[in-house]
Amino acid sequence: MSAEHLTYTPDEEIRSVGATDTIAVLLPQAELIYLTDRRAHARAFIDAGVPVAVATDYCSSIHATSLPVTLGMAAPWFRLTPSEVIVGGTLNAAYALGLAGDRGSIDPGKRGDLTILSVSHPGELCLAVGQEVVSDVIIGGEIVHSTRIGER
């Protein structure tokens, strides 16, 4: 189960969510567009043992489709580490969607869906917001997109 739009969740409710199997889905672009300085208390969710996912919240009013941009925004907005943001956009997001059995991490038996980023350190994702950082996309073990011409 997942819960979204958590900007106004009180700390006592965050602690109670920690006793469940709920994934807290953080939506940085929604918070930036609709709100002023309020933000979901991501660290409180993590401290309560709640897995945190990060998503675009693509809908009719927010046309955010870039997960790398969203992840890059999430780190400073929610005061998360780059590693926490990457896990939130991969494995925890797969759990939130009920797909973690075969997606969300690089493990034997999983599909092999990967997005290769042209950064040398996870922290660079947070510094390159708005830049094209996706170099390759692999779905089911097959390259479906590559910016590296002639290397296929």
C-alpha atoms as a PDB file:
ATOM      1  CA  MET A   1       0.000   0.000   0.000  1.00  0.00           C
ATOM      2  CA  SER A   2       1.180   3.535  -0.636  1.00  0.00           C
ATOM      3  CA  ALA A   3       0.218   6.978   0.611  1.00  0.00           C
ATOM      4  CA  GLU A   4       0.776  10.157  -1.386  1.00  0.00           C
ATOM      5  CA  HIS A   5       0.379  13.922  -0.826  1.00  0.00           C
ATOM      6  CA  LEU A   6       1.776  13.721   2.710  1.00  0.00           C
ATOM      7  CA  THR A   7       2.661  17.377   3.169  1.00  0.00           C
ATOM      8  CA  TYR A   8       0.435  17.960   6.199  1.00  0.00           C
ATOM      9  CA  THR A   9       0.844  14.582   7.923  1.00  0.00           C
ATOM     10  CA  PRO A  10       1.293  15.107  11.699  1.00  0.00           C
ATOM     11  CA  ASP A  11       4.209  13.361  13.424  1.00  0.00           C
ATOM     12  CA  GLU A  12       1.922  11.093  15.475  1.00  0.00           C
ATOM     13  CA  GLU A  13       0.310   9.798  12.276  1.00  0.00           C
ATOM     14  CA  ILE A  14       3.740   9.295  10.712  1.00  0.00           C
ATOM     15  CA  ARG A  15       4.691   7.084  13.658  1.00  0.00           C
ATOM     16  CA  SER A  16       1.496   5.043  13.259  1.00  0.00           C
ATOM     17  CA  VAL A  17       2.224   4.534   9.547  1.00  0.00           C
ATOM     18  CA  GLY A  18       5.554   3.021  10.604  1.00  0.00           C
ATOM     19  CA  ALA A  19       3.655   0.073  12.087  1.00  0.00           C
ATOM     20  CA  THR A  20       2.102  -0.769   8.706  1.00  0.00           C
ATOM     21  CA  ASP A  21       3.383  -1.937   5.309  1.00  0.00           C
ATOM     22  CA  THR A  22       2.733   1.466   3.742  1.00  0.00           C
ATOM     23  CA  ILE A  23       5.182   3.212   1.405  1.00  0.00           C
ATOM     24  CA  ALA A  24       5.270   7.017   1.764  1.00  0.00           C
ATOM     25  CA  VAL A  25       5.430   8.518  -1.743  1.00  0.00           C
ATOM     26  CA  LEU A  26       7.048  11.946  -1.865  1.00  0.00           C
ATOM     27  CA  LEU A  27       6.031  14.305  -4.674  1.00  0.00           C
ATOM     28  CA  PRO A  28       8.465  17.237  -4.757  1.00  0.00           C
ATOM     29  CA  GLN A  29       7.116  18.881  -7.900  1.00  0.00           C
ATOM     30  CA  ALA A  30       3.550  18.857  -6.564  1.00  0.00           C
ATOM     31  CA  GLU A  31       4.704  20.516  -3.362  1.00  0.00           C
ATOM     32  CA  LEU A  32       6.673  23.142  -5.254  1.00  0.00           C
ATOM     33  CA  ILE A  33       3.779  23.969  -7.558  1.00  0.00           C
ATOM     34  CA  TYR A  34       0.864  23.963  -5.115  1.00  0.00           C
ATOM     35  CA  LEU A  35       2.370  25.024  -1.822  1.00  0.00           C
ATOM     36  CA  THR A  36       4.643  27.648  -0.391  1.00  0.00           C
ATOM     37  CA  ASP A  37       7.218  26.498   2.138  1.00  0.00           C
ATOM     38  CA  ARG A  38       5.464  23.364   3.443  1.00  0.00           C
ATOM     39  CA  ARG A  39       6.975  19.993   2.662  1.00  0.00           C
ATOM     40  CA  ALA A  40       6.360  16.406   3.685  1.00  0.00           C
ATOM     41  CA  HIS A  41       8.518  15.497   6.689  1.00  0.00           C
ATOM     42  CA  ALA A  42      10.515  12.834   4.859  1.00  0.00           C
ATOM     43  CA  ARG A  43      13.071  12.314   7.628  1.00  0.00           C
ATOM     44  CA  ALA A  44      10.282  11.597  10.140  1.00  0.00           C
ATOM     45  CA  PHE A  45       8.888   8.890   7.832  1.00  0.00           C
ATOM     46  CA  ILE A  46      12.336   7.315   7.471  1.00  0.00           C
ATOM     47  CA  ASP A  47      12.994   7.527  11.222  1.00  0.00           C
ATOM     48  CA  ALA A  48       9.619   5.819  11.833  1.00  0.00           C
ATOM     49  CA  GLY A  49      10.697   2.927   9.605  1.00  0.00           C
ATOM     50  CA  VAL A  50       8.463   3.912   6.688  1.00  0.00           C
ATOM     51  CA  PRO A  51      10.031   3.251   3.258  1.00  0.00           C
ATOM     52  CA  VAL A  52      10.011   6.429   1.185  1.00  0.00           C
ATOM     53  CA  ALA A  53       9.432   6.491  -2.584  1.00  0.00           C
ATOM     54  CA  VAL A  54       9.826   9.505  -4.876  1.00  0.00           C
ATOM     55  CA  ALA A  55       7.530  10.116  -7.862  1.00  0.00           C
ATOM     56  CA  THR A  56       6.630  12.757 -10.440  1.00  0.00           C
ATOM     57  CA  ASP A  57       2.878  12.955  -9.685  1.00  0.00           C
ATOM     58  CA  TYR A  58       2.180  13.306 -13.403  1.00  0.00           C
ATOM     59  CA  CYS A  59      -1.448  14.383 -13.710  1.00  0.00           C
ATOM     60  CA  SER A  60      -3.611  16.888 -15.565  1.00  0.00           C
ATOM     61  CA  SER A  61      -2.207  19.836 -13.608  1.00  0.00           C
ATOM     62  CA  ILE A  62       1.443  18.748 -13.336  1.00  0.00           C
ATOM     63  CA  HIS A  63       3.069  17.598 -16.548  1.00  0.00           C
ATOM     64  CA  ALA A  64       6.211  16.334 -14.835  1.00  0.00           C
ATOM     65  CA  THR A  65       7.588  13.339 -16.693  1.00  0.00           C
ATOM     66  CA  SER A  66      11.299  13.439 -15.887  1.00  0.00           C
ATOM     67  CA  LEU A  67      12.177  11.151 -13.016  1.00  0.00           C
ATOM     68  CA  PRO A  68      15.830  12.338 -12.984  1.00  0.00           C
ATOM     69  CA  VAL A  69      14.643  15.948 -12.553  1.00  0.00           C
ATOM     70  CA  THR A  70      12.220  14.877  -9.830  1.00  0.00           C
ATOM     71  CA  LEU A  71      14.896  12.895  -7.990  1.00  0.00           C
ATOM     72  CA  GLY A  72      17.345  15.776  -8.262  1.00  0.00           C
ATOM     73  CA  MET A  73      14.760  18.125  -6.768  1.00  0.00           C
ATOM     74  CA  ALA A  74      13.786  15.708  -3.995  1.00  0.00           C
ATOM     75  CA  ALA A  75      17.160  15.653  -2.238  1.00  0.00           C
ATOM     76  CA  PRO A  76      17.355  19.339  -1.281  1.00  0.00           C
ATOM     77  CA  TRP A  77      13.585  19.789  -0.941  1.00  0.00           C
ATOM     78  CA  PHE A  78      13.119  16.912   1.503  1.00  0.00           C
ATOM     79  CA  ARG A  79      16.653  17.040   2.967  1.00  0.00           C
ATOM     80  CA  LEU A  80      17.434  13.519   1.768  1.00  0.00           C
ATOM     81  CA  THR A  81      20.778  12.083   0.742  1.00  0.00           C
ATOM     82  CA  PRO A  82      21.328  11.269  -2.932  1.00  0.00           C
ATOM     83  CA  SER A  83      21.337   7.561  -2.037  1.00  0.00           C
ATOM     84  CA  GLU A  84      17.979   7.866  -0.248  1.00  0.00           C
ATOM     85  CA  VAL A  85      16.528   9.618  -3.288  1.00  0.00           C
ATOM     86  CA  ILE A  86      17.819   6.952  -5.696  1.00  0.00           C
ATOM     87  CA  VAL A  87      16.401   4.126  -3.562  1.00  0.00           C
ATOM     88  CA  GLY A  88      13.157   6.131  -3.373  1.00  0.00           C
ATOM     89  CA  GLY A  89      12.965   6.389  -7.153  1.00  0.00           C
ATOM     90  CA  THR A  90      13.845   2.747  -7.814  1.00  0.00           C
ATOM     91  CA  LEU A  91      13.286  -0.043  -5.290  1.00  0.00           C
ATOM     92  CA  ASN A  92      10.845   1.758  -2.996  1.00  0.00           C
ATOM     93  CA  ALA A  93       8.909   3.068  -6.005  1.00  0.00           C
ATOM     94  CA  ALA A  94       8.662  -0.496  -7.311  1.00  0.00           C
ATOM     95  CA  TYR A  95       7.303  -1.595  -3.918  1.00  0.00           C
ATOM     96  CA  ALA A  96       4.751   1.239  -3.993  1.00  0.00           C
ATOM     97  CA  LEU A  97       3.555  -0.011  -7.390  1.00  0.00           C
ATOM     98  CA  GLY A  98       3.541  -3.668  -6.337  1.00  0.00           C
ATOM     99  CA  LEU A  99       6.320  -4.459  -8.837  1.00  0.00           C
ATOM    100  CA  ALA A 100       9.313  -5.083  -6.565  1.00  0.00           C
ATOM    101  CA  GLY A 101       9.223  -8.814  -7.221  1.00  0.00           C
ATOM    102  CA  ASP A 102      10.871  -8.310 -10.609  1.00  0.00           C
ATOM    103  CA  ARG A 103      11.767  -4.600 -10.823  1.00  0.00           C
ATOM    104  CA  GLY A 104      13.373  -1.816  -8.833  1.00  0.00           C
ATOM    105  CA  SER A 105      16.817  -3.307  -8.208  1.00  0.00           C
ATOM    106  CA  ILE A 106      19.572  -5.212  -9.957  1.00  0.00           C
ATOM    107  CA  ASP A 107      19.166  -8.758  -8.669  1.00  0.00           C
ATOM    108  CA  PRO A 108      19.223 -12.249 -10.200  1.00  0.00           C
ATOM    109  CA  GLY A 109      15.837 -13.152 -11.646  1.00  0.00           C
ATOM    110  CA  LYS A 110      14.659  -9.563 -12.113  1.00  0.00           C
ATOM    111  CA  ARG A 111      13.727  -8.156 -15.537  1.00  0.00           C
ATOM    112  CA  GLY A 112      16.796  -6.054 -16.154  1.00  0.00           C
ATOM    113  CA  ASP A 113      15.035  -2.700 -16.504  1.00  0.00           C
ATOM    114  CA  LEU A 114      17.761  -0.086 -16.087  1.00  0.00           C
ATOM    115  CA  THR A 115      18.290   3.596 -16.684  1.00  0.00           C
ATOM    116  CA  ILE A 116      21.972   4.425 -17.035  1.00  0.00           C
ATOM    117  CA  LEU A 117      22.842   7.970 -15.990  1.00  0.00           C
ATOM    118  CA  SER A 118      25.850   9.945 -17.192  1.00  0.00           C
ATOM    119  CA  VAL A 119      26.964  10.967 -13.707  1.00  0.00           C
ATOM    120  CA  SER A 120      30.030   9.718 -11.859  1.00  0.00           C
ATOM    121  CA  HIS A 121      28.580  10.019  -8.339  1.00  0.00           C
ATOM    122  CA  PRO A 122      24.984   9.851  -7.022  1.00  0.00           C
ATOM    123  CA  GLY A 123      25.303  13.404  -5.714  1.00  0.00           C
ATOM    124  CA  GLU A 124      25.724  14.692  -9.264  1.00  0.00           C
ATOM    125  CA  LEU A 125      22.096  13.783  -9.958  1.00  0.00           C
ATOM    126  CA  CYS A 126      21.105  16.498  -7.487  1.00  0.00           C
ATOM    127  CA  LEU A 127      23.447  19.029  -9.087  1.00  0.00           C
ATOM    128  CA  ALA A 128      22.356  18.345 -12.671  1.00  0.00           C
ATOM    129  CA  VAL A 129      18.642  19.172 -12.311  1.00  0.00           C
ATOM    130  CA  GLY A 130      17.290  20.000 -15.748  1.00  0.00           C
ATOM    131  CA  GLN A 131      20.284  18.583 -17.614  1.00  0.00           C
ATOM    132  CA  GLU A 132      20.006  15.472 -19.754  1.00  0.00           C
ATOM    133  CA  VAL A 133      21.604  12.775 -17.617  1.00  0.00           C
ATOM    134  CA  VAL A 134      20.037   9.646 -19.126  1.00  0.00           C
ATOM    135  CA  SER A 135      22.522   7.944 -21.422  1.00  0.00           C
ATOM    136  CA  ASP A 136      20.891   4.534 -21.865  1.00  0.00           C
ATOM    137  CA  VAL A 137      17.574   2.823 -21.156  1.00  0.00           C
ATOM    138  CA  ILE A 138      17.421  -0.959 -20.933  1.00  0.00           C
ATOM    139  CA  ILE A 139      14.091  -2.782 -20.702  1.00  0.00           C
ATOM    140  CA  GLY A 140      13.981  -6.501 -20.144  1.00  0.00           C
ATOM    141  CA  GLY A 141      17.722  -6.669 -20.748  1.00  0.00           C
ATOM    142  CA  GLU A 142      17.482  -4.976 -24.192  1.00  0.00           C
ATOM    143  CA  ILE A 143      18.829  -1.491 -24.974  1.00  0.00           C
ATOM    144  CA  VAL A 144      15.877   0.610 -26.142  1.00  0.00           C
ATOM    145  CA  HIS A 145      17.566   4.029 -26.022  1.00  0.00           C
ATOM    146  CA  SER A 146      21.191   5.104 -26.155  1.00  0.00           C
ATOM    147  CA  THR A 147      22.832   8.483 -26.550  1.00  0.00           C
ATOM    148  CA  ARG A 148      26.188   6.850 -27.188  1.00  0.00           C
ATOM    149  CA  ILE A 149      26.211   6.774 -30.983  1.00  0.00           C
ATOM    150  CA  GLY A 150      28.047   3.856 -32.521  1.00  0.00           C
ATOM    151  CA  GLU A 151      28.433   1.939 -29.264  1.00  0.00           C
ATOM    152  CA  ARG A 152      25.439  -0.346 -29.743  1.00  0.00           C
END
